Structure formats: C-alpha cells, structure tokens
Protein backbone atom coordinates (compact mmCIF):
# COMPACT_ATOMS: atom_id res chain seq x y z
CA MET A 1 -10.76 14.89 180.24
CA LYS A 2 -14.53 14.44 180.24
CA GLY A 3 -14.98 17.64 178.33
CA PHE A 4 -12.45 16.51 175.84
CA GLN A 5 -14.17 13.14 175.53
CA MET A 6 -17.48 14.89 175.02
CA ASN A 7 -16.03 17.15 172.36
CA LYS A 8 -14.34 14.22 170.65
CA SER A 9 -17.62 12.30 170.58
CA PHE A 10 -19.43 15.39 169.34
CA TYR A 11 -16.99 15.93 166.48
CA LYS A 12 -17.11 12.23 165.65
CA ASN A 13 -20.88 12.37 165.28
CA ILE A 14 -20.69 15.55 163.23
CA SER A 15 -18.08 13.99 160.96
CA VAL A 16 -20.21 10.90 160.35
CA GLN A 17 -23.24 13.06 159.54
CA PHE A 18 -21.21 15.33 157.24
CA PHE A 19 -19.71 12.33 155.45
CA ALA A 20 -23.16 10.84 154.94
CA PHE A 21 -24.44 14.19 153.65
CA ALA A 22 -21.49 14.49 151.26
CA ILE A 23 -22.04 10.99 149.86
CA LEU A 24 -25.75 11.69 149.39
CA SER A 25 -25.00 15.03 147.71
CA LEU A 26 -22.45 13.41 145.42
CA PHE A 27 -24.96 10.68 144.51
CA ASN A 28 -27.65 13.26 143.77
CA SER A 29 -25.27 15.39 141.74
CA ARG A 30 -24.19 12.40 139.69
CA GLN A 31 -27.83 11.54 139.11
CA ALA A 32 -28.40 15.09 137.90
CA PHE A 33 -25.41 15.03 135.60
CA SER A 34 -26.40 11.60 134.24
CA GLN A 35 -29.76 12.91 133.04
CA PRO A 36 -29.52 13.78 129.32
CA ALA A 37 -30.06 17.43 128.56
CA LYS A 38 -33.36 18.27 126.94
CA PRO A 39 -32.67 18.41 123.18
CA ALA A 40 -33.03 21.90 121.73
CA GLY A 41 -32.49 23.15 118.22
CA ASP A 42 -33.72 25.30 115.36
CA LEU A 43 -36.40 23.21 113.66
CA LEU A 44 -38.43 20.32 115.01
CA ILE A 45 -40.22 18.06 112.52
CA LYS A 46 -42.80 16.07 114.47
CA ASN A 47 -44.59 12.79 113.79
CA ILE A 48 -43.02 12.18 110.39
CA THR A 49 -42.26 8.90 108.60
CA ILE A 50 -38.60 8.54 107.67
CA VAL A 51 -37.90 6.75 104.41
CA ASP A 52 -34.82 4.59 104.99
CA VAL A 53 -33.28 4.68 101.51
CA ASN A 54 -30.58 2.14 102.39
CA GLU A 55 -33.01 -0.58 103.40
CA GLY A 56 -36.04 0.51 101.40
CA ARG A 57 -38.32 0.66 104.45
CA LEU A 58 -40.43 3.13 106.40
CA ILE A 59 -39.71 4.28 109.97
CA PRO A 60 -42.94 5.88 111.21
CA ASN A 61 -43.73 8.45 113.89
CA LYS A 62 -40.38 10.09 114.44
CA ASN A 63 -39.25 13.49 115.65
CA ILE A 64 -36.34 15.05 113.78
CA LEU A 65 -34.51 17.97 115.37
CA ILE A 66 -32.46 20.19 113.08
CA VAL A 67 -29.56 21.99 114.74
CA GLY A 68 -27.87 24.47 112.45
CA ARG A 69 -27.14 22.70 109.16
CA GLU A 70 -27.32 19.17 110.56
CA ILE A 71 -29.75 16.56 111.82
CA GLY A 72 -29.06 16.82 115.53
CA TRP A 73 -31.52 14.32 116.97
CA ILE A 74 -33.97 11.63 115.85
CA SER A 75 -36.34 10.21 118.43
CA ASP A 76 -39.73 8.64 119.06
CA SER A 77 -42.65 11.02 118.78
CA ASP A 78 -43.38 11.16 122.52
CA GLU A 79 -39.98 12.53 123.56
CA ASP A 80 -39.75 16.08 124.90
CA ILE A 81 -37.82 18.27 122.47
CA THR A 82 -37.86 22.02 122.02
CA ALA A 83 -37.02 24.14 118.98
CA LYS A 84 -37.41 27.65 117.67
CA THR A 85 -39.80 26.37 115.00
CA THR A 86 -41.98 23.26 115.13
CA ILE A 87 -43.95 21.69 112.29
CA ASP A 88 -46.30 18.72 112.64
CA CYS A 89 -45.85 16.35 109.71
CA ALA A 90 -48.20 13.55 110.66
CA GLY A 91 -49.04 11.52 107.57
CA LYS A 92 -46.05 12.82 105.63
CA PHE A 93 -42.74 11.29 104.54
CA ILE A 94 -39.18 12.58 104.60
CA ILE A 95 -36.32 11.66 102.28
CA PRO A 96 -32.80 12.99 101.77
CA GLY A 97 -32.35 15.56 99.04
CA LEU A 98 -32.43 14.19 95.50
CA TRP A 99 -29.47 14.40 93.11
CA ASP A 100 -29.32 15.16 89.41
CA MET A 101 -25.96 13.69 88.49
CA HIS A 102 -25.76 14.98 84.93
CA THR A 103 -26.57 18.63 84.31
CA HIS A 104 -25.32 21.65 82.38
CA ASN A 105 -26.06 24.86 84.24
CA TRP A 106 -25.39 28.01 82.28
CA TRP A 107 -28.01 30.05 84.13
CA GLN A 108 -27.32 28.86 87.68
CA LEU A 109 -29.18 31.62 89.52
CA HIS A 110 -32.20 31.24 87.28
CA PHE A 111 -32.28 27.48 87.82
CA SER A 112 -31.62 27.34 91.56
CA ASN A 113 -35.27 27.72 92.52
CA PHE A 114 -36.26 25.04 90.01
CA TYR A 115 -33.85 22.58 91.59
CA ILE A 116 -34.81 23.43 95.17
CA GLY A 117 -38.53 23.44 94.47
CA ASN A 118 -38.26 19.94 93.03
CA GLY A 119 -36.24 18.61 95.94
CA VAL A 120 -33.08 18.35 93.82
CA LEU A 121 -30.60 19.55 96.42
CA GLY A 122 -27.42 18.27 94.78
CA VAL A 123 -26.22 18.43 91.18
CA ARG A 124 -23.19 17.28 89.24
CA ASN A 125 -22.44 19.84 86.57
CA MET A 126 -20.80 18.19 83.56
CA TYR A 127 -19.74 21.34 81.74
CA THR A 128 -19.90 24.98 82.62
CA PRO A 129 -16.80 27.20 82.90
CA MET A 130 -15.62 27.37 86.51
CA SER A 131 -15.46 31.16 86.15
CA MET A 132 -19.27 31.00 86.10
CA ILE A 133 -19.67 28.22 88.65
CA ASN A 134 -17.25 29.30 91.40
CA PRO A 135 -18.98 32.60 92.31
CA VAL A 136 -22.30 30.77 92.57
CA LYS A 137 -20.80 28.00 94.72
CA ASP A 138 -19.16 30.58 96.99
CA SER A 139 -22.39 32.53 97.37
CA ILE A 140 -24.30 29.36 98.25
CA ASN A 141 -21.65 28.19 100.74
CA ASN A 142 -21.61 31.62 102.40
CA GLY A 143 -25.39 31.71 102.69
CA LEU A 144 -25.82 34.69 100.35
CA ILE A 145 -28.10 32.79 97.99
CA LYS A 146 -30.00 29.51 98.13
CA GLY A 147 -28.89 26.77 95.80
CA PRO A 148 -28.09 23.06 95.57
CA TYR A 149 -24.79 21.39 96.40
CA TYR A 150 -22.67 21.77 93.25
CA VAL A 151 -20.00 19.38 91.98
CA SER A 152 -18.54 20.65 88.71
CA ALA A 153 -16.22 19.52 85.95
CA GLY A 154 -15.49 22.92 84.50
CA ARG A 155 -13.97 22.48 81.07
CA VAL A 156 -14.21 19.24 79.09
CA VAL A 157 -11.16 17.32 77.86
CA GLU A 158 -11.53 16.36 74.18
CA GLY A 159 -9.20 14.82 71.63
CA SER A 160 -9.92 16.99 68.59
CA GLU A 161 -12.57 19.27 67.09
CA PRO A 162 -13.97 20.46 70.46
CA GLU A 163 -17.63 21.46 70.49
CA PHE A 164 -16.85 24.62 72.49
CA PRO A 165 -13.78 26.86 72.15
CA ASP A 166 -12.83 26.72 75.83
CA TRP A 167 -12.56 22.91 75.93
CA LEU A 168 -9.10 21.48 76.50
CA VAL A 169 -7.75 19.64 73.46
CA VAL A 170 -5.58 16.69 74.47
CA ASP A 171 -4.69 14.74 71.34
CA LYS A 172 -1.12 13.98 72.41
CA ILE A 173 0.36 12.58 75.60
CA GLU A 174 2.53 15.69 75.91
CA LYS A 175 -0.58 17.84 76.47
CA ILE A 176 -1.94 15.89 79.44
CA LYS A 177 -0.11 17.60 82.31
CA SER A 178 -0.89 21.08 81.04
CA ALA A 179 -4.60 20.26 80.74
CA LEU A 180 -4.77 18.81 84.24
CA ASP A 181 -2.82 21.78 85.62
CA THR A 182 -5.48 24.06 84.14
CA LEU A 183 -8.37 22.09 85.62
CA GLN A 184 -6.76 22.04 89.06
CA MET A 185 -5.95 25.75 88.94
CA GLU A 186 -9.54 26.58 88.00
CA GLY A 187 -10.99 24.42 90.78
CA SER A 188 -12.60 21.58 88.80
CA ASP A 189 -13.95 18.81 91.00
CA PHE A 190 -13.21 16.07 88.44
CA VAL A 191 -11.99 15.47 84.89
CA LYS A 192 -14.68 15.06 82.26
CA VAL A 193 -13.47 13.13 79.23
CA TYR A 194 -15.15 13.15 75.84
CA ASN A 195 -15.54 11.33 72.54
CA LYS A 196 -12.40 11.76 70.45
CA ILE A 197 -9.46 11.25 72.80
CA PRO A 198 -7.05 8.71 71.24
CA GLY A 199 -6.73 5.46 73.17
CA ASP A 200 -3.07 5.78 74.17
CA VAL A 201 -3.62 9.37 75.27
CA TYR A 202 -6.72 8.41 77.26
CA PHE A 203 -4.97 5.75 79.37
CA GLU A 204 -2.06 8.05 80.17
CA LEU A 205 -4.55 10.81 81.05
CA VAL A 206 -6.34 8.55 83.53
CA LYS A 207 -3.04 7.51 85.13
CA GLU A 208 -1.87 11.09 85.55
CA ALA A 209 -5.25 12.21 86.90
CA HIS A 210 -5.20 9.45 89.51
CA LYS A 211 -1.68 10.44 90.58
CA ARG A 212 -3.09 13.87 91.34
CA GLY A 213 -6.13 12.51 93.18
CA MET A 214 -8.53 13.57 90.40
CA ARG A 215 -11.52 11.44 89.38
CA VAL A 216 -12.16 10.76 85.68
CA GLU A 217 -15.80 10.73 84.60
CA GLY A 218 -17.89 11.32 81.47
CA HIS A 219 -18.11 9.81 78.00
CA VAL A 220 -16.04 6.81 77.13
CA PRO A 221 -13.88 7.83 74.16
CA MET A 222 -14.90 6.04 70.99
CA ALA A 223 -11.42 4.58 70.64
CA VAL A 224 -11.73 2.80 74.00
CA SER A 225 -14.05 0.02 75.19
CA VAL A 226 -16.10 0.53 78.34
CA ILE A 227 -14.46 -2.57 79.85
CA ASP A 228 -10.94 -1.20 79.32
CA ALA A 229 -11.98 2.23 80.61
CA SER A 230 -13.53 0.68 83.70
CA ASN A 231 -10.39 -1.36 84.35
CA ALA A 232 -8.34 1.82 83.96
CA GLY A 233 -10.43 3.47 86.68
CA GLN A 234 -12.94 5.75 84.97
CA ARG A 235 -15.55 6.34 87.68
CA SER A 236 -18.70 6.99 85.64
CA PHE A 237 -20.06 6.37 82.18
CA GLU A 238 -22.69 8.72 80.80
CA HIS A 239 -25.73 8.29 78.54
CA LEU A 240 -25.19 4.51 78.11
CA LEU A 241 -22.56 5.32 75.47
CA GLY A 242 -20.64 2.15 74.66
CA ILE A 243 -22.74 0.10 77.08
CA PRO A 244 -24.94 -1.66 74.47
CA ASP A 245 -21.72 -2.97 72.88
CA LEU A 246 -21.29 -5.06 76.03
CA CYS A 247 -24.68 -6.72 75.51
CA THR A 248 -24.29 -8.06 71.97
CA LYS A 249 -21.97 -10.12 69.81
CA ASP A 250 -22.70 -7.71 66.96
CA HIS A 251 -19.90 -5.27 66.22
CA LEU A 252 -21.81 -2.00 66.38
CA PHE A 253 -19.04 0.20 64.99
CA LYS A 254 -16.45 -1.02 62.52
CA ASN A 255 -14.49 2.22 62.83
CA ARG A 256 -15.18 3.85 66.18
CA TYR A 257 -12.41 6.44 66.27
CA GLY A 258 -13.24 9.92 65.05
CA TYR A 259 -17.01 9.70 65.37
CA ASN A 260 -19.29 11.79 67.53
CA TRP A 261 -21.21 9.51 69.89
CA PHE A 262 -24.51 11.34 69.57
CA ALA A 263 -24.38 11.45 65.78
CA ALA A 264 -23.51 7.76 65.68
CA VAL A 265 -26.46 6.78 67.88
CA MET A 266 -28.93 8.96 66.00
CA SER A 267 -27.80 7.92 62.53
CA SER A 268 -27.05 4.21 62.94
CA ASP A 269 -29.79 1.57 62.96
CA ASP A 270 -27.55 -0.77 64.96
CA TYR A 271 -28.94 0.35 68.28
CA GLY A 272 -32.45 -0.49 67.12
CA THR A 273 -31.68 -3.86 65.52
CA LEU A 274 -29.08 -5.22 67.94
CA SER A 275 -29.65 -8.66 69.44
CA ILE A 276 -29.16 -8.48 73.20
CA ASP A 277 -27.28 -11.42 74.73
CA GLU A 278 -28.11 -11.45 78.44
CA GLU A 279 -25.35 -13.94 79.32
CA LEU A 280 -22.73 -11.82 77.61
CA ALA A 281 -24.13 -8.72 79.28
CA ALA A 282 -23.96 -10.37 82.71
CA LYS A 283 -20.32 -11.36 82.12
CA ASN A 284 -19.30 -7.86 81.06
CA PHE A 285 -21.37 -6.06 83.67
CA GLU A 286 -19.71 -8.13 86.37
CA VAL A 287 -16.48 -6.30 85.47
CA LEU A 288 -18.19 -2.93 85.97
CA ARG A 289 -19.68 -4.08 89.25
CA LYS A 290 -16.36 -5.32 90.62
CA ASN A 291 -14.66 -2.09 89.58
CA ASN A 292 -17.43 -0.07 91.25
CA SER A 293 -17.98 1.76 87.97
CA PHE A 294 -21.18 3.84 87.97
CA VAL A 295 -23.45 4.37 84.97
CA CYS A 296 -25.70 7.41 84.50
CA PRO A 297 -28.27 6.47 81.79
CA THR A 298 -29.96 9.91 81.33
CA LEU A 299 -33.03 8.23 79.84
CA VAL A 300 -35.05 11.42 79.76
CA VAL A 301 -32.87 13.12 77.17
CA TRP A 302 -32.87 10.00 74.98
CA HIS A 303 -36.65 9.75 75.41
CA ASN A 304 -37.06 13.29 74.11
CA TYR A 305 -34.77 12.81 71.12
CA PHE A 306 -36.21 9.41 70.21
CA HIS A 307 -39.79 10.75 70.44
CA PRO A 308 -39.59 14.08 68.58
CA ASP A 309 -43.33 14.31 67.95
CA ILE A 310 -44.11 14.89 71.63
CA PRO A 311 -45.99 18.25 71.82
CA PHE A 312 -43.43 19.88 74.10
CA GLU A 313 -44.95 23.31 73.43
CA LYS A 314 -47.98 22.30 75.49
CA GLU A 315 -45.99 21.45 78.60
CA THR A 316 -46.66 23.89 81.45
CA ASN A 317 -43.01 24.00 82.56
CA LEU A 318 -41.85 25.28 79.18
CA GLN A 319 -42.92 28.88 79.79
CA LYS A 320 -40.68 29.12 82.85
CA PHE A 321 -37.56 29.13 80.68
CA PRO A 322 -35.92 31.86 78.56
CA LYS A 323 -37.01 32.22 74.94
CA GLY A 324 -33.49 31.62 73.69
CA MET A 325 -33.42 28.25 75.41
CA ILE A 326 -36.82 27.29 74.02
CA ASP A 327 -35.66 28.20 70.51
CA PHE A 328 -32.55 26.06 71.02
CA TRP A 329 -34.65 23.10 72.14
CA ASN A 330 -37.03 23.43 69.21
CA GLY A 331 -34.07 23.45 66.85
CA GLU A 332 -32.50 20.38 68.45
CA VAL A 333 -35.64 18.22 68.36
CA GLY A 334 -37.19 19.84 65.28
CA LYS A 335 -34.55 18.38 62.95
CA TYR A 336 -36.00 14.91 63.64
CA ARG A 337 -39.69 15.80 63.41
CA ASN A 338 -39.68 15.84 59.62
CA ARG A 339 -38.00 12.47 59.21
CA ASP A 340 -39.99 9.62 57.63
CA THR A 341 -42.03 7.08 59.54
CA SER A 342 -39.48 4.26 59.25
CA TYR A 343 -36.79 6.47 60.82
CA LYS A 344 -39.07 7.37 63.74
CA GLN A 345 -40.03 3.73 64.25
CA MET A 346 -36.35 2.81 64.39
CA MET A 347 -35.74 5.52 67.03
CA ILE A 348 -38.48 3.98 69.18
CA LYS A 349 -36.73 0.60 68.86
CA LYS A 350 -33.48 2.22 69.93
CA TYR A 351 -35.12 3.64 73.02
CA LYS A 352 -36.63 0.27 73.95
CA ASN A 353 -33.19 -1.31 73.68
CA PHE A 354 -31.78 1.43 75.90
CA GLN A 355 -34.46 0.53 78.44
CA LYS A 356 -33.47 -3.16 78.28
CA VAL A 357 -29.80 -2.34 78.71
CA THR A 358 -30.56 -0.11 81.70
CA TYR A 359 -32.54 -2.89 83.37
CA LEU A 360 -29.73 -5.39 82.75
CA LEU A 361 -27.26 -3.00 84.39
CA TYR A 362 -29.50 -2.87 87.46
CA LYS A 363 -30.14 -6.63 87.43
CA ASN A 364 -26.42 -7.38 87.38
CA GLY A 365 -25.58 -5.04 90.24
CA VAL A 366 -23.91 -2.18 88.37
CA PRO A 367 -24.48 0.97 90.49
CA LEU A 368 -26.65 3.51 88.67
CA LEU A 369 -26.92 7.28 89.06
CA THR A 370 -29.91 9.46 88.25
CA GLY A 371 -29.14 12.22 85.77
CA THR A 372 -31.05 14.13 83.11
CA ASP A 373 -28.62 16.03 80.84
CA ALA A 374 -30.44 19.28 81.55
CA ILE A 375 -30.45 21.72 79.66
CA ASN A 376 -30.67 19.65 76.46
CA ALA A 377 -33.77 18.84 74.37
CA PHE A 378 -36.65 19.98 76.61
CA VAL A 379 -34.94 18.60 79.70
CA TYR A 380 -36.03 21.06 82.38
CA PRO A 381 -33.64 21.62 85.30
CA GLY A 382 -35.19 20.26 88.48
CA TYR A 383 -38.47 19.12 86.96
CA SER A 384 -37.03 16.49 84.63
CA LEU A 385 -35.36 14.49 87.39
CA HIS A 386 -38.82 13.24 88.41
CA GLN A 387 -39.42 12.19 84.83
CA GLU A 388 -36.09 10.34 84.85
CA LEU A 389 -37.17 8.42 87.95
CA VAL A 390 -40.44 7.37 86.29
CA LEU A 391 -38.59 6.29 83.13
CA LEU A 392 -36.30 4.12 85.24
CA LYS A 393 -39.38 2.48 86.72
CA GLN A 394 -40.68 1.80 83.23
CA CYS A 395 -37.49 -0.22 82.65
CA GLY A 396 -38.65 -2.59 85.39
CA ILE A 397 -36.54 -1.27 88.27
CA PRO A 398 -38.31 -1.30 91.69
CA ASP A 399 -39.29 2.02 93.29
CA LYS A 400 -37.06 1.55 96.34
CA GLU A 401 -34.02 0.92 94.15
CA ILE A 402 -34.66 4.04 92.08
CA LEU A 403 -34.92 6.15 95.23
CA LYS A 404 -31.63 4.68 96.37
CA MET A 405 -30.03 5.68 93.05
CA ALA A 406 -31.27 9.27 93.43
CA THR A 407 -29.94 9.67 96.99
CA ILE A 408 -27.39 7.39 98.64
CA ASN A 409 -25.83 6.20 95.36
CA ALA A 410 -24.92 9.77 94.49
CA ALA A 411 -23.39 10.31 97.93
CA LEU A 412 -21.42 7.06 97.71
CA PHE A 413 -20.17 7.98 94.25
CA LEU A 414 -19.03 11.42 95.43
CA GLU A 415 -17.58 9.92 98.63
CA ILE A 416 -19.67 12.17 100.88
CA SER A 417 -22.02 9.53 102.33
CA ASP A 418 -20.82 10.42 105.83
CA LYS A 419 -22.81 13.66 105.50
CA TYR A 420 -25.29 13.15 102.64
CA GLY A 421 -27.58 10.57 101.10
CA SER A 422 -29.79 9.43 103.99
CA VAL A 423 -31.84 10.75 106.91
CA GLU A 424 -29.59 10.06 109.90
CA LYS A 425 -28.30 11.88 112.96
CA GLY A 426 -25.22 13.94 112.19
CA LYS A 427 -25.89 14.23 108.47
CA ASN A 428 -26.56 17.39 106.52
CA ALA A 429 -30.12 18.69 106.88
CA SER A 430 -30.98 18.94 103.19
CA LEU A 431 -34.23 17.04 103.12
CA VAL A 432 -37.53 16.76 101.26
CA ILE A 433 -40.93 16.38 102.91
CA LEU A 434 -43.41 14.47 100.73
CA ASN A 435 -47.16 14.08 100.85
CA ASP A 436 -47.09 10.45 99.75
CA ASN A 437 -44.91 7.35 100.00
CA PRO A 438 -42.14 7.16 97.35
CA LEU A 439 -41.58 3.46 98.05
CA LYS A 440 -45.12 2.83 96.84
CA ASP A 441 -44.65 4.88 93.68
CA ILE A 442 -41.46 6.74 92.77
CA ALA A 443 -43.60 9.44 91.13
CA ASN A 444 -44.50 10.51 94.67
CA THR A 445 -41.10 12.20 94.91
CA GLY A 446 -42.82 14.98 92.96
CA LYS A 447 -45.55 15.43 95.59
CA ILE A 448 -43.50 17.83 97.66
CA GLU A 449 -44.86 19.56 100.74
CA SER A 450 -41.71 21.50 101.59
CA VAL A 451 -37.94 21.40 101.38
CA ILE A 452 -35.25 21.80 104.02
CA LEU A 453 -32.01 23.16 102.59
CA ASN A 454 -29.00 23.14 104.92
CA GLY A 455 -31.35 23.33 107.87
CA ASN A 456 -33.59 26.09 106.47
CA LEU A 457 -37.27 25.32 105.92
CA ILE A 458 -38.43 26.42 102.47
CA GLU A 459 -42.07 26.21 101.50
CA LYS A 460 -42.62 24.87 98.00
CA LYS A 461 -44.68 27.88 96.90
CA ARG A 462 -41.57 30.07 97.36
CA THR A 463 -39.64 28.05 94.76
CA GLN A 464 -42.21 27.65 91.99
C-alpha cells in the first residue's frame, strides 16, 4: 500500500509539472504565432512621401513593399522589411499612374515607351480597330511587352458620312442591334458615339447598350442636347462639345443636325462672342453632377488648333515621331496659319471661353477627366498629358484637384478604383516616383525619377 501511495503521489506530481509545462508551451507557441511575419516582397521603396490624391495631402517617410503586381505593405520608415530590391527615395514623392482618357493609338508599340516614360500608365483609346488593339493588350497582359493599361472603344458609331470606312453607320433604329453585336464580338470596352446620329436613334442606342451592360461615351450628337444625353445615361462628354450651350442664353446653332462638330467650332464666331451666364451654367451643370456625367475637355488639342502660329517645328519631342505623322500634323494646323488676323484673334477668344467653361464645370462639381486627343495636331502621346495638366491649372483649377482628375477620377469613371487610382495597400503597383511635389505645382508630374509598372521598376532613361 505504501508503495502504491508513493507511486500515486509521484505520478500526481509529475502530472502537475507536465500540465504546467504544457500550458507554458501553449502560451509560448501562441505568442510566437501572434507575432506578425516579417514582410517580404520584390521591391521595397524606402523613405518616400506618398501623395494622397483623394485628400490632397502628403504622407511622409513611408516604406512601400511591392509584392508581385500589387502594393503589399505600407509602413513607417523604421519597420523591418526585406525585399529582393530596395531603393531609397528620401526626398521624393510617389503618385499613382497617370491616365490619358482620350487618345487615338495607331502605333501602339511605338508609343508605349512614350506613355510609360511620362508616367501615363493608363489610357482610354477612343478609336483604333480592335484587330490592332487586342494583340497589344494581350501581349501587355501576358508580360511579353511593356505598355499602359488599355481601355478601347474599337470602332465608332456614327449616323451618316463616317470619317473612316470601318465605322459603324447607325442612321436607323433597325441598325442598332447589329452594330452593338459587332462591338461586343470584337471586344470593345464601350460604345463611342459621334456627331451625326439622329436623336431618336441615339436614345434607342443608349437604351439597348445599357441593356447589354455597355457604357456609352464620346461626342454628344449634334441633334441631342448634353442635358438630354446626360439624363439618358451617356457616361462621358468629350472636347467640351455642346457644353458651352449650357452656359449661355444665346442659341449657338440654329440647325444643329448634320454638322460636323469640329468644323462648326472652327468656323463659327459664336464660341468667341458668347456671353457666359454663370447662374444658368450652375443650374445645368447640377444636372451633370447629379447624373455623375464626366467631361473630358482635351484643352491641349484646342490650344494647338486655336494657336496655329506656335512654332511646333522647334519642339524637341517632335523628332521622336514618324515623318508621316509630322506631315499630317503640319497639314492639320497649317490650314489655319494663313488665315487673317481677325480670324486668329477670334480663335484666341474661343479658347479663353473654353477655359472659362472648364473652370465652371470644376466649380460646380462636374467630375472632369484628363485627356489629350493624341495623336491629333501636335498632341504627343505621353508628353502632352503634362501639358494638359498645366492648361487645366491655367483655367484656375487647384493643383490637387487636377492630380485627382488624372488619377482617381479615371479609376472611378472606369469602375476600377478598387485596384487603381491611389497609392494604397492591395492596389495595383503602377506608380510614378517624382523628384518634386505635384501638390505644389502640377507641372512637377513631369519631373519623373522612375516608374513602376505592374510591380516592375523602370528607370526613366530606358523609356526616353
């Protein structure tokens, strides 16, 4: 019995000690598991100032860890992070990739470096056949070539007398479904509408496109008011076409149907002599704001057409482009160089009114997009976006608001703001490192140190 008692006491003591050891081990193991793993990734950007484009503020001294194609971690500068490549960016600024939301890219491979080198990492292509665009998009998505994020219309929908033979002519309601079938089959990302679509056809087109989940963007047809088009659900309005009509009691066009918008603007003095009514503009722009209709002014292309005496031949960027394109540009602008002084003075007045209208859009809360209309009239892919940003500033729009237009506004418009448009954890790592603060001067978006495209660091000298 004593031996048994001794053994029982022995085992009791052992059990207590083992239980205590097990609890301690469990506690230690939980402590170990509760410690966050040391962040590790592909590229570490140290000591950089993040430009918060949503709030228009600076967030200094941050570490950004890129993991694959995404921003995997953002932390204070003293945290311990490891990566395959580390760059110290003290004194520099980082912004999300810029967007050119109105382009025409017929030489995509030739232009890709121009876009990337200028920090333009997303483009909306308003007309290029999808047979040309799709192979480029596929090659970019598969990592075979470097290029910006492409959103493309493919063919344009026009009412009559199309400017290019592959455009889809929809002058009757009966032609709508066939045209949309074609765009969907070819992989168009949205429907671009143009000048001469009859009003009744236009509204049925928008309805059918929305049934299919397709966005409608582009020119407002001359037979339709911008207000009615906005109420119908057109998502964007390009080049300010039809917008000045909302700012004046003057009737700018007695017979709108059948005209070409560009020819009307260039030939009519109305845009130079119009009397802007700010109260009327505010009332009409409130409709656009409530409908979340976006406007893409493309001031740079208007600036070039309205100022034909600019010595474009002296610009350093010109020699980077094919001779055929330069000849085309000279022909486009050259036709206005020989006009008389009064005509040129009227064009300057038109441009100033376009500036006023653009500011009123901003003032009244209409969301704006930054676009250039490259490759028209000495509008250089990539390079001219920075000129567009400066021209927006000359309208009186604050720097932080312009940066917002060129980044998060584009992402919101395209409904991809969960992955693009700002520097945040979990978003795509297409970023631009700058040598100076763009909130101080929007022109500093052109002072690029390097670019990160889908997580890959690209030095600027490799894209010039």
